[in-house]
Amino acid sequence: MAGTLGLHRRGSVRFNVTVAATTIAAASILLVGAGLVVVVHRTLDSQIVATLNRELAATKAGLAEGLLPGASAAAPGSAIQVVTVIGSSVVASSGSIQGLPPISQVLPGSQATVVPISRAFAARSTLNAARGLSVVAVHYGAVVVYAAASTRDVTSTTRLLILQLFILVLPSVIVLTSLISWWVIGRALRPVEAIRREVDDISTTALTHRVSIPPGDDEIARLAATMNSMLSRLEGASLQQRRFVADASHELRSPLASIMMQVELAQLHPESVNVEQMTGIVADEAGRLDRLVDDLLLLAKADEQAIVVSESDVDLDDLLLAEASRLRSVGRVSVETTGIGPVRVRGDRELLRRAIRNLVDNAERYATSSVRLGCTASPAGAIVIVGDDGKGIAPELHDTLFQRFARGDASRVRGTGGTGLGLSIVAEIIAAHHGTVTVTNDPGAVFQMVLPCEPDDEAPAGDGS
């Protein structure tokens, strides 16, 4: 199964986690084992020291009463010896060391302390640890009491424990931890591998496919849900891109077809061509084509987040008054500018002019007889209002109105000159300035832009005419 899952390779998550778990387990055993060995060794040593101290205390008490230790006086595994201070002659010894020379040549103090084993004693006895103290004995004067024992059992026990821990326990833990970790991690990663295979089979032409979500609410189930959410976003982006390309191709084809028709007509029937009329048509279509390409380039920059905002002080009231003058020169609609107040913001003058012009052109296109322009500064920011007295936009279209190639209603046909990009460009420009744009009906369409501004950034009032 590991081979089929492709998780056995060195460097895979399964391998790395198994190695990590095994290393942690081995390190834990080493630390715990080393601590256990130290504790056991110290405990056994302290037991020997306690035994020797008890023997010294008992012998000292007996000497105070004039009693010497007998052959069986010492506890099993230990020995007692009384040696005179003057002459270092052995006065009494327990049975296991009778006839042996003094345990040590060192004269200890009145408190029990460690003394070294003499060479003569070590050569004839297996006892290798000793403690002694000096006392004054009844009938014997100044003497030294030695108590000795062997630490070989302590060493043997410690070595046996080390062998059991690091030769038997440690390898067993390493093997078991490796096997269990490999198996558990393999089972845990099996759904991940299944998700990977499913995602690997998904192509750009099959974005409708979704990965299977395993039962439960663990990390893997959430990963699958997140993957499906990402696929949904990719599918939506792909559909939007294809729709955008199709719409752009259609919009570009229309002016090109009109230009080609005029050229072919001039080639086939030059005698019947009205040059002035034809050049006017070609100029209009070329201008429309130029605007459309310019719009597409700006939206492409927006997609790449490459819209460059060259900040400077921009008087929004000046931009609105300029648009009002332009509309009045056309003369199709009347323009109300009483709502225009002095407002200054920091932004890109050309981009903001383009956004306002797109809104004004949209309002003029669908107005019945008048267009209303206004701007004011408020705590929420600089507010720009562009409204018309047309029939408005259906509420269900408000959410999609700023999408590319979106049209408010069926009346926005080819004859109006709209391409469906103007409002989406407005939305991108305002977003690049960290503002918002919304639409309401009152009763015609009313567009409201809100841009960040400071209260003290206001410019002197315009003429408002």
Protein backbone atom coordinates (compact mmCIF):
# COMPACT_ATOMS: atom_id res chain seq x y z
CA MET A 1 0.00 0.00 0.00
CA ALA A 2 2.87 2.36 0.72
CA GLY A 3 4.11 1.87 -2.81
CA THR A 4 0.73 2.68 -4.30
CA LEU A 5 0.38 5.76 -2.14
CA GLY A 6 3.80 7.00 -3.15
CA LEU A 7 4.57 7.84 0.48
CA HIS A 8 7.52 5.51 1.01
CA ARG A 9 10.10 7.75 -0.59
CA ARG A 10 12.74 9.34 1.54
CA GLY A 11 11.84 12.98 2.04
CA SER A 12 8.10 12.32 1.99
CA VAL A 13 5.89 13.54 4.82
CA ARG A 14 5.32 9.96 5.94
CA PHE A 15 9.05 9.24 6.07
CA ASN A 16 9.96 12.50 7.78
CA VAL A 17 7.25 12.24 10.43
CA THR A 18 8.16 8.60 11.11
CA VAL A 19 11.83 9.51 11.53
CA ALA A 20 10.88 12.43 13.78
CA ALA A 21 8.58 10.29 15.94
CA THR A 22 11.20 7.54 16.22
CA THR A 23 13.93 10.03 17.07
CA ILE A 24 11.78 11.62 19.77
CA ALA A 25 10.93 8.22 21.24
CA ALA A 26 14.58 7.12 21.22
CA ALA A 27 15.73 10.40 22.77
CA SER A 28 13.03 10.08 25.45
CA ILE A 29 14.15 6.53 26.29
CA LEU A 30 17.78 7.68 26.44
CA LEU A 31 16.96 10.55 28.77
CA VAL A 32 14.62 8.53 30.99
CA GLY A 33 17.00 5.56 31.01
CA ALA A 34 19.99 7.70 31.91
CA GLY A 35 18.02 9.30 34.70
CA LEU A 36 16.85 5.91 35.95
CA VAL A 37 20.40 4.53 35.96
CA VAL A 38 21.65 7.54 37.95
CA VAL A 39 18.79 7.27 40.44
CA VAL A 40 19.27 3.52 40.96
CA HIS A 41 23.04 3.88 41.34
CA ARG A 42 22.69 6.68 43.87
CA THR A 43 20.00 4.81 45.79
CA LEU A 44 22.15 1.70 46.13
CA ASP A 45 25.15 3.80 47.12
CA SER A 46 23.11 5.62 49.75
CA GLN A 47 21.90 2.29 51.13
CA ILE A 48 25.49 1.13 51.56
CA VAL A 49 26.44 4.42 53.24
CA ALA A 50 23.45 4.15 55.58
CA THR A 51 24.39 0.57 56.48
CA LEU A 52 27.99 1.54 57.24
CA ASN A 53 26.86 4.51 59.33
CA ARG A 54 24.58 2.27 61.38
CA GLU A 55 27.41 -0.20 61.98
CA LEU A 56 29.73 2.60 63.09
CA ALA A 57 27.10 4.00 65.46
CA ALA A 58 26.35 0.59 66.98
CA THR A 59 30.03 -0.21 67.48
CA LYS A 60 30.68 3.18 69.03
CA ALA A 61 27.85 2.62 71.51
CA GLY A 62 29.21 -0.80 72.41
CA LEU A 63 32.73 0.54 72.96
CA ALA A 64 31.32 3.18 75.28
CA GLU A 65 30.05 0.32 77.45
CA GLY A 66 33.30 -1.65 77.20
CA LEU A 67 32.03 -4.13 74.56
CA LEU A 68 34.03 -5.12 71.48
CA PRO A 69 32.31 -6.23 68.28
CA GLY A 70 32.09 -9.97 67.91
CA ALA A 71 32.62 -12.17 64.87
CA SER A 72 28.98 -11.79 63.80
CA ALA A 73 28.58 -8.15 64.72
CA ALA A 74 28.44 -6.72 61.17
CA ALA A 75 25.40 -6.84 58.88
CA PRO A 76 25.54 -9.22 55.90
CA GLY A 77 27.88 -7.93 53.22
CA SER A 78 29.74 -5.57 55.57
CA ALA A 79 32.54 -5.79 58.14
CA ILE A 80 33.55 -3.98 61.36
CA GLN A 81 37.06 -3.38 62.59
CA VAL A 82 38.46 -1.62 65.70
CA VAL A 83 42.06 -0.40 65.44
CA THR A 84 44.16 1.34 68.11
CA VAL A 85 45.37 4.81 67.27
CA ILE A 86 48.81 4.14 68.72
CA GLY A 87 50.46 1.28 66.93
CA SER A 88 47.58 0.69 64.50
CA SER A 89 46.97 -2.79 65.91
CA VAL A 90 43.65 -4.50 65.30
CA VAL A 91 41.70 -4.89 68.52
CA ALA A 92 38.62 -6.64 67.13
CA SER A 93 37.15 -7.58 63.72
CA SER A 94 33.92 -9.11 62.53
CA GLY A 95 34.12 -12.66 61.28
CA SER A 96 34.61 -12.02 57.53
CA ILE A 97 37.83 -9.99 57.99
CA GLN A 98 39.37 -11.57 61.08
CA GLY A 99 43.13 -11.85 60.75
CA LEU A 100 43.31 -9.11 58.10
CA PRO A 101 45.35 -5.93 58.45
CA PRO A 102 43.67 -2.58 59.20
CA ILE A 103 41.06 -1.53 56.67
CA SER A 104 42.64 1.92 56.27
CA GLN A 105 45.75 3.81 57.30
CA VAL A 106 43.87 7.11 57.56
CA LEU A 107 42.77 8.38 60.96
CA PRO A 108 39.26 9.91 60.58
CA GLY A 109 37.70 12.54 62.84
CA SER A 110 34.96 12.15 65.40
CA GLN A 111 32.33 12.17 62.66
CA ALA A 112 31.79 9.28 60.28
CA THR A 113 33.61 9.97 57.02
CA VAL A 114 34.84 8.14 53.94
CA VAL A 115 38.32 6.61 54.22
CA PRO A 116 40.45 4.95 51.55
CA ILE A 117 41.06 1.21 51.65
CA SER A 118 44.66 0.29 52.46
CA ARG A 119 46.59 -1.73 49.88
CA ALA A 120 47.31 -4.55 52.32
CA PHE A 121 43.61 -4.92 53.15
CA ALA A 122 42.49 -4.60 49.51
CA ALA A 123 44.88 -7.36 48.47
CA ARG A 124 43.13 -9.86 50.79
CA SER A 125 39.47 -8.71 50.72
CA THR A 126 36.73 -7.89 48.19
CA LEU A 127 35.43 -5.02 50.30
CA ASN A 128 36.19 -1.77 48.49
CA ALA A 129 34.28 0.98 50.31
CA ALA A 130 34.89 2.08 53.89
CA ARG A 131 33.89 4.70 56.41
CA GLY A 132 35.51 5.40 59.79
CA LEU A 133 35.40 7.51 62.92
CA SER A 134 37.66 8.00 65.96
CA VAL A 135 36.32 7.27 69.45
CA VAL A 136 37.61 6.87 72.99
CA ALA A 137 36.74 3.37 74.22
CA VAL A 138 36.42 2.19 77.79
CA HIS A 139 39.42 -0.02 78.69
CA TYR A 140 41.05 0.56 75.27
CA GLY A 141 41.69 4.29 75.04
CA ALA A 142 41.74 6.03 71.68
CA VAL A 143 40.69 3.74 68.85
CA VAL A 144 39.40 4.00 65.28
CA VAL A 145 36.29 2.15 64.15
CA TYR A 146 36.13 1.17 60.48
CA ALA A 147 33.12 -0.21 58.64
CA ALA A 148 33.62 -1.65 55.14
CA ALA A 149 31.39 -3.06 52.41
CA SER A 150 31.57 -4.06 48.76
CA THR A 151 30.10 -1.94 45.93
CA ARG A 152 30.44 -4.69 43.36
CA ASP A 153 26.73 -5.51 43.64
CA VAL A 154 25.92 -1.86 42.96
CA THR A 155 28.12 -1.90 39.86
CA SER A 156 26.66 -5.18 38.65
CA THR A 157 23.09 -3.98 39.16
CA THR A 158 23.80 -0.72 37.35
CA ARG A 159 25.44 -2.51 34.42
CA LEU A 160 22.56 -4.95 34.17
CA LEU A 161 20.08 -2.08 34.13
CA ILE A 162 22.07 -0.33 31.39
CA LEU A 163 22.10 -3.52 29.31
CA GLN A 164 18.36 -4.01 29.72
CA LEU A 165 17.53 -0.39 28.88
CA PHE A 166 19.87 0.29 25.99
CA ILE A 167 20.23 -3.14 24.43
CA LEU A 168 16.74 -4.57 24.92
CA VAL A 169 14.29 -1.73 25.63
CA LEU A 170 15.69 0.99 23.34
CA PRO A 171 15.85 -1.10 20.12
CA SER A 172 12.39 -2.50 20.84
CA VAL A 173 10.95 0.99 21.31
CA ILE A 174 12.64 2.22 18.12
CA VAL A 175 11.28 -0.66 16.05
CA LEU A 176 7.76 -0.48 17.49
CA THR A 177 7.61 3.32 17.22
CA SER A 178 8.79 3.19 13.61
CA LEU A 179 6.27 0.54 12.61
CA ILE A 180 3.34 2.11 14.44
CA SER A 181 4.18 5.64 13.21
CA TRP A 182 4.58 4.41 9.62
CA TRP A 183 1.22 2.64 9.74
CA VAL A 184 -0.70 5.41 11.53
CA ILE A 185 0.72 8.20 9.37
CA GLY A 186 0.05 6.16 6.24
CA ARG A 187 -3.61 5.80 7.21
CA ALA A 188 -3.83 9.49 8.10
CA LEU A 189 -2.28 10.59 4.79
CA ARG A 190 -4.29 8.22 2.61
CA PRO A 191 -7.14 10.77 2.17
CA VAL A 192 -4.56 13.44 1.36
CA GLU A 193 -3.11 11.25 -1.39
CA ALA A 194 -6.62 10.60 -2.69
CA ILE A 195 -7.24 14.37 -2.79
CA ARG A 196 -3.91 14.87 -4.57
CA ARG A 197 -4.80 12.30 -7.25
CA GLU A 198 -8.21 13.86 -7.79
CA VAL A 199 -6.75 17.36 -8.08
CA ASP A 200 -4.02 16.05 -10.40
CA ASP A 201 -6.72 14.75 -12.76
CA ILE A 202 -8.47 18.12 -12.90
CA SER A 203 -7.64 20.18 -15.98
CA THR A 204 -8.66 23.67 -17.04
CA THR A 205 -11.45 22.10 -19.09
CA ALA A 206 -12.86 20.13 -16.14
CA LEU A 207 -13.04 22.72 -13.38
CA THR A 208 -16.54 21.53 -12.47
CA HIS A 209 -15.02 18.47 -10.77
CA ARG A 210 -14.77 18.52 -6.97
CA VAL A 211 -12.70 16.36 -4.63
CA SER A 212 -14.37 13.97 -2.23
CA ILE A 213 -14.66 15.26 1.33
CA PRO A 214 -13.85 12.55 3.90
CA PRO A 215 -16.24 12.16 6.84
CA GLY A 216 -15.60 14.11 10.02
CA ASP A 217 -14.43 17.62 10.72
CA ASP A 218 -10.69 17.14 10.99
CA GLU A 219 -7.89 18.98 9.17
CA ILE A 220 -8.09 16.73 6.10
CA ALA A 221 -11.83 17.26 5.71
CA ARG A 222 -11.29 21.01 6.01
CA LEU A 223 -8.46 20.76 3.46
CA ALA A 224 -10.82 19.04 1.00
CA ALA A 225 -13.50 21.68 1.61
CA THR A 226 -10.95 24.45 1.09
CA MET A 227 -9.76 22.75 -2.09
CA ASN A 228 -13.32 22.62 -3.40
CA SER A 229 -13.79 26.28 -2.52
CA MET A 230 -10.63 27.12 -4.44
CA LEU A 231 -11.83 25.08 -7.43
CA SER A 232 -15.12 26.96 -7.33
CA ARG A 233 -13.24 30.26 -7.41
CA LEU A 234 -11.05 29.03 -10.27
CA GLU A 235 -14.12 27.86 -12.17
CA GLY A 236 -15.77 31.24 -11.67
CA ALA A 237 -12.61 33.07 -12.75
CA SER A 238 -12.28 30.83 -15.80
CA LEU A 239 -15.89 31.38 -16.79
CA GLN A 240 -15.51 35.12 -16.28
CA GLN A 241 -12.34 35.14 -18.36
CA ARG A 242 -13.95 33.20 -21.21
CA ARG A 243 -17.01 35.43 -21.07
CA PHE A 244 -14.80 38.50 -21.05
CA VAL A 245 -12.82 37.28 -24.07
CA ALA A 246 -16.02 36.42 -25.95
CA ASP A 247 -17.63 39.78 -25.15
CA ALA A 248 -14.45 41.70 -25.99
CA SER A 249 -14.15 39.85 -29.29
CA HIS A 250 -17.75 40.68 -30.12
CA GLU A 251 -17.33 44.35 -29.21
CA LEU A 252 -14.10 44.64 -31.21
CA ARG A 253 -15.59 42.87 -34.18
CA SER A 254 -18.49 45.34 -34.54
CA PRO A 255 -16.49 48.52 -35.31
CA LEU A 256 -14.00 46.54 -37.38
CA ALA A 257 -16.82 45.05 -39.44
CA SER A 258 -18.31 48.50 -39.98
CA ILE A 259 -14.95 49.91 -41.11
CA MET A 260 -14.32 46.95 -43.42
CA MET A 261 -17.79 47.35 -44.93
CA GLN A 262 -17.11 50.99 -45.77
CA VAL A 263 -13.73 50.11 -47.28
CA GLU A 264 -15.17 47.27 -49.39
CA LEU A 265 -18.02 49.51 -50.55
CA ALA A 266 -15.51 52.15 -51.63
CA GLN A 267 -13.48 49.53 -53.51
CA LEU A 268 -16.47 47.99 -55.30
CA HIS A 269 -18.43 51.18 -56.07
CA PRO A 270 -16.10 54.16 -55.84
CA GLU A 271 -18.40 56.29 -57.99
CA SER A 272 -21.27 56.03 -55.51
CA VAL A 273 -19.31 56.68 -52.34
CA ASN A 274 -19.94 59.84 -50.37
CA VAL A 275 -16.42 60.46 -49.10
CA GLU A 276 -17.45 62.86 -46.36
CA GLN A 277 -20.12 60.49 -45.07
CA MET A 278 -17.81 57.49 -45.26
CA THR A 279 -14.94 59.19 -43.48
CA GLY A 280 -17.33 60.32 -40.76
CA ILE A 281 -18.52 56.75 -40.22
CA VAL A 282 -14.97 55.36 -40.26
CA ALA A 283 -13.80 58.06 -37.85
CA ASP A 284 -16.65 57.30 -35.44
CA GLU A 285 -16.00 53.56 -35.55
CA ALA A 286 -12.24 54.04 -35.21
CA GLY A 287 -12.83 56.30 -32.22
CA ARG A 288 -15.13 53.72 -30.67
CA LEU A 289 -12.54 51.04 -31.34
CA ASP A 290 -9.82 53.18 -29.76
CA ARG A 291 -11.90 53.77 -26.64
CA LEU A 292 -12.71 50.09 -26.37
CA VAL A 293 -9.06 49.05 -26.64
CA ASP A 294 -8.12 51.70 -24.10
CA ASP A 295 -10.79 50.38 -21.72
CA LEU A 296 -9.60 46.80 -22.17
CA LEU A 297 -6.01 47.80 -21.44
CA LEU A 298 -7.03 49.58 -18.25
CA LEU A 299 -9.03 46.56 -17.07
CA ALA A 300 -6.09 44.29 -17.87
CA LYS A 301 -3.91 46.48 -15.65
CA ALA A 302 -6.56 46.25 -12.94
CA ASP A 303 -6.47 42.46 -13.16
CA GLU A 304 -2.70 42.57 -12.65
CA GLN A 305 -3.08 45.17 -9.89
CA ALA A 306 -0.90 47.41 -12.02
CA ILE A 307 -3.03 50.56 -12.04
CA VAL A 308 -0.60 53.31 -11.08
CA VAL A 309 -2.18 56.13 -9.07
CA SER A 310 -0.13 59.33 -9.39
CA GLU A 311 -1.33 61.23 -6.35
CA SER A 312 -1.85 64.96 -6.40
CA ASP A 313 -4.45 67.41 -5.11
CA VAL A 314 -7.62 66.99 -7.18
CA ASP A 315 -10.58 69.37 -6.99
CA LEU A 316 -13.60 67.19 -7.65
CA ASP A 317 -15.86 70.21 -8.06
CA ASP A 318 -13.68 71.41 -10.97
CA LEU A 319 -13.99 68.03 -12.69
CA LEU A 320 -17.77 68.02 -12.28
CA LEU A 321 -18.14 71.59 -13.49
CA ALA A 322 -16.06 70.75 -16.58
CA GLU A 323 -18.35 67.80 -17.33
CA ALA A 324 -21.41 70.00 -16.81
CA SER A 325 -20.04 72.48 -19.34
CA ARG A 326 -19.41 69.68 -21.82
CA LEU A 327 -22.97 68.35 -21.48
CA ARG A 328 -24.42 71.84 -21.88
CA SER A 329 -22.47 72.28 -25.11
CA VAL A 330 -24.10 69.11 -26.49
CA GLY A 331 -27.48 70.44 -25.50
CA ARG A 332 -29.47 67.21 -25.31
CA VAL A 333 -30.14 67.43 -21.58
CA SER A 334 -30.16 70.12 -18.93
CA VAL A 335 -27.57 69.91 -16.14
CA GLU A 336 -28.23 70.73 -12.48
CA THR A 337 -25.08 71.74 -10.57
CA THR A 338 -26.47 73.35 -7.43
CA GLY A 339 -25.23 70.38 -5.39
CA ILE A 340 -21.59 70.92 -6.33
CA GLY A 341 -19.54 72.12 -3.38
CA PRO A 342 -15.78 72.60 -2.90
CA VAL A 343 -14.13 69.19 -2.34
CA ARG A 344 -10.46 68.31 -2.70
CA VAL A 345 -8.96 64.83 -2.47
CA ARG A 346 -5.59 63.18 -3.02
CA GLY A 347 -5.62 61.04 -6.13
CA ASP A 348 -4.87 60.65 -9.82
CA ARG A 349 -6.53 63.52 -11.66
CA GLU A 350 -6.79 61.75 -15.03
CA LEU A 351 -8.17 58.52 -13.59
CA LEU A 352 -10.74 60.37 -11.47
CA ARG A 353 -11.69 62.52 -14.47
CA ARG A 354 -12.21 59.33 -16.49
CA ALA A 355 -14.36 57.75 -13.77
CA ILE A 356 -16.54 60.87 -13.49
CA ARG A 357 -16.85 61.17 -17.27
CA ASN A 358 -17.96 57.54 -17.54
CA LEU A 359 -20.68 58.16 -14.96
CA VAL A 360 -21.74 61.43 -16.62
CA ASP A 361 -21.87 59.81 -20.09
CA ASN A 362 -23.92 56.96 -18.65
CA ALA A 363 -26.33 59.43 -17.02
CA GLU A 364 -26.65 61.51 -20.21
CA ARG A 365 -27.29 58.38 -22.26
CA TYR A 366 -30.27 57.27 -20.17
CA ALA A 367 -31.59 60.62 -18.95
CA THR A 368 -34.99 61.75 -20.16
CA SER A 369 -34.27 65.48 -19.93
CA SER A 370 -31.83 66.29 -17.11
CA VAL A 371 -28.68 65.16 -15.31
CA ARG A 372 -27.86 66.05 -11.72
CA LEU A 373 -24.26 66.49 -10.50
CA GLY A 374 -23.08 67.10 -6.96
CA CYS A 375 -20.18 66.69 -4.56
CA THR A 376 -19.66 67.40 -0.91
CA ALA A 377 -17.24 66.63 1.92
CA SER A 378 -18.51 64.60 4.87
CA PRO A 379 -17.01 62.64 7.78
CA ALA A 380 -17.34 59.52 5.62
CA GLY A 381 -15.22 61.13 2.85
CA ALA A 382 -15.71 63.01 -0.38
CA ILE A 383 -19.11 62.15 -1.89
CA VAL A 384 -19.76 62.56 -5.63
CA ILE A 385 -23.32 62.24 -6.95
CA VAL A 386 -24.22 61.66 -10.62
CA GLY A 387 -27.93 61.09 -11.31
CA ASP A 388 -30.38 61.16 -14.18
CA ASP A 389 -34.18 61.40 -14.52
CA GLY A 390 -34.51 58.23 -16.58
CA LYS A 391 -36.42 55.12 -15.61
CA GLY A 392 -33.63 53.86 -13.32
CA ILE A 393 -32.10 50.41 -12.99
CA ALA A 394 -33.92 47.33 -11.78
CA PRO A 395 -32.85 46.51 -8.18
CA GLU A 396 -31.95 42.94 -9.12
CA LEU A 397 -29.30 44.32 -11.49
CA HIS A 398 -27.53 46.51 -8.94
CA ASP A 399 -25.15 43.75 -7.81
CA THR A 400 -23.96 42.94 -11.35
CA LEU A 401 -24.03 46.43 -12.82
CA PHE A 402 -20.30 47.03 -12.26
CA GLN A 403 -19.25 43.76 -13.88
CA ARG A 404 -17.57 43.88 -17.26
CA PHE A 405 -19.85 44.04 -20.28
CA ALA A 406 -22.84 44.23 -17.93
CA ARG A 407 -25.79 46.31 -19.10
CA GLY A 408 -28.48 47.77 -16.91
CA ASP A 409 -31.34 46.61 -19.13
CA ALA A 410 -32.19 45.53 -22.62
CA SER A 411 -32.40 49.14 -23.82
CA ARG A 412 -28.63 49.43 -23.76
CA VAL A 413 -28.25 48.19 -27.27
CA ARG A 414 -25.62 48.89 -29.86
CA GLY A 415 -27.21 52.18 -30.84
CA THR A 416 -26.48 53.76 -27.48
CA GLY A 417 -22.78 53.39 -27.97
CA GLY A 418 -22.27 51.55 -24.67
CA THR A 419 -19.82 48.66 -24.46
CA GLY A 420 -20.58 47.56 -20.89
CA LEU A 421 -17.08 48.50 -19.71
CA GLY A 422 -17.63 52.06 -18.48
CA LEU A 423 -19.04 51.21 -15.06
CA SER A 424 -16.56 48.41 -14.45
CA ILE A 425 -13.76 50.90 -15.16
CA VAL A 426 -15.34 53.30 -12.67
CA ALA A 427 -15.35 50.54 -10.05
CA GLU A 428 -11.68 49.68 -10.70
CA ILE A 429 -10.54 53.32 -10.56
CA ILE A 430 -12.45 54.04 -7.34
CA ALA A 431 -11.13 50.81 -5.77
CA ALA A 432 -7.57 51.89 -6.68
CA HIS A 433 -8.28 55.08 -4.71
CA HIS A 434 -9.62 53.04 -1.76
CA GLY A 435 -13.16 54.31 -2.30
CA THR A 436 -16.57 52.82 -3.10
CA VAL A 437 -19.23 53.33 -5.75
CA THR A 438 -22.90 52.37 -5.42
CA VAL A 439 -26.13 52.90 -7.35
CA THR A 440 -29.71 53.63 -6.23
CA ASN A 441 -32.93 54.78 -7.88
CA ASP A 442 -34.39 58.24 -7.07
CA PRO A 443 -36.37 57.70 -9.32
CA GLY A 444 -33.75 57.58 -12.06
CA ALA A 445 -30.32 55.98 -11.59
CA VAL A 446 -28.20 57.79 -8.97
CA PHE A 447 -24.52 56.82 -8.71
CA GLN A 448 -22.61 57.74 -5.57
CA MET A 449 -18.81 57.67 -5.26
CA VAL A 450 -17.16 57.95 -1.84
CA LEU A 451 -13.43 58.79 -1.74
CA PRO A 452 -11.18 59.24 1.29
CA CYS A 453 -10.43 62.86 2.16
CA GLU A 454 -9.40 64.96 5.11
CA PRO A 455 -11.65 67.78 6.38
CA ASP A 456 -8.86 70.32 5.93
CA ASP A 457 -8.29 69.23 2.33
CA GLU A 458 -11.15 71.31 1.04
CA ALA A 459 -10.45 73.74 -1.80
CA PRO A 460 -12.06 77.13 -2.33
CA ALA A 461 -15.61 76.99 -3.66
CA GLY A 462 -16.27 76.94 -7.39
CA ASP A 463 -18.83 79.09 -9.10
CA GLY A 464 -21.44 76.31 -9.09
CA SER A 465 -23.04 77.71 -12.24
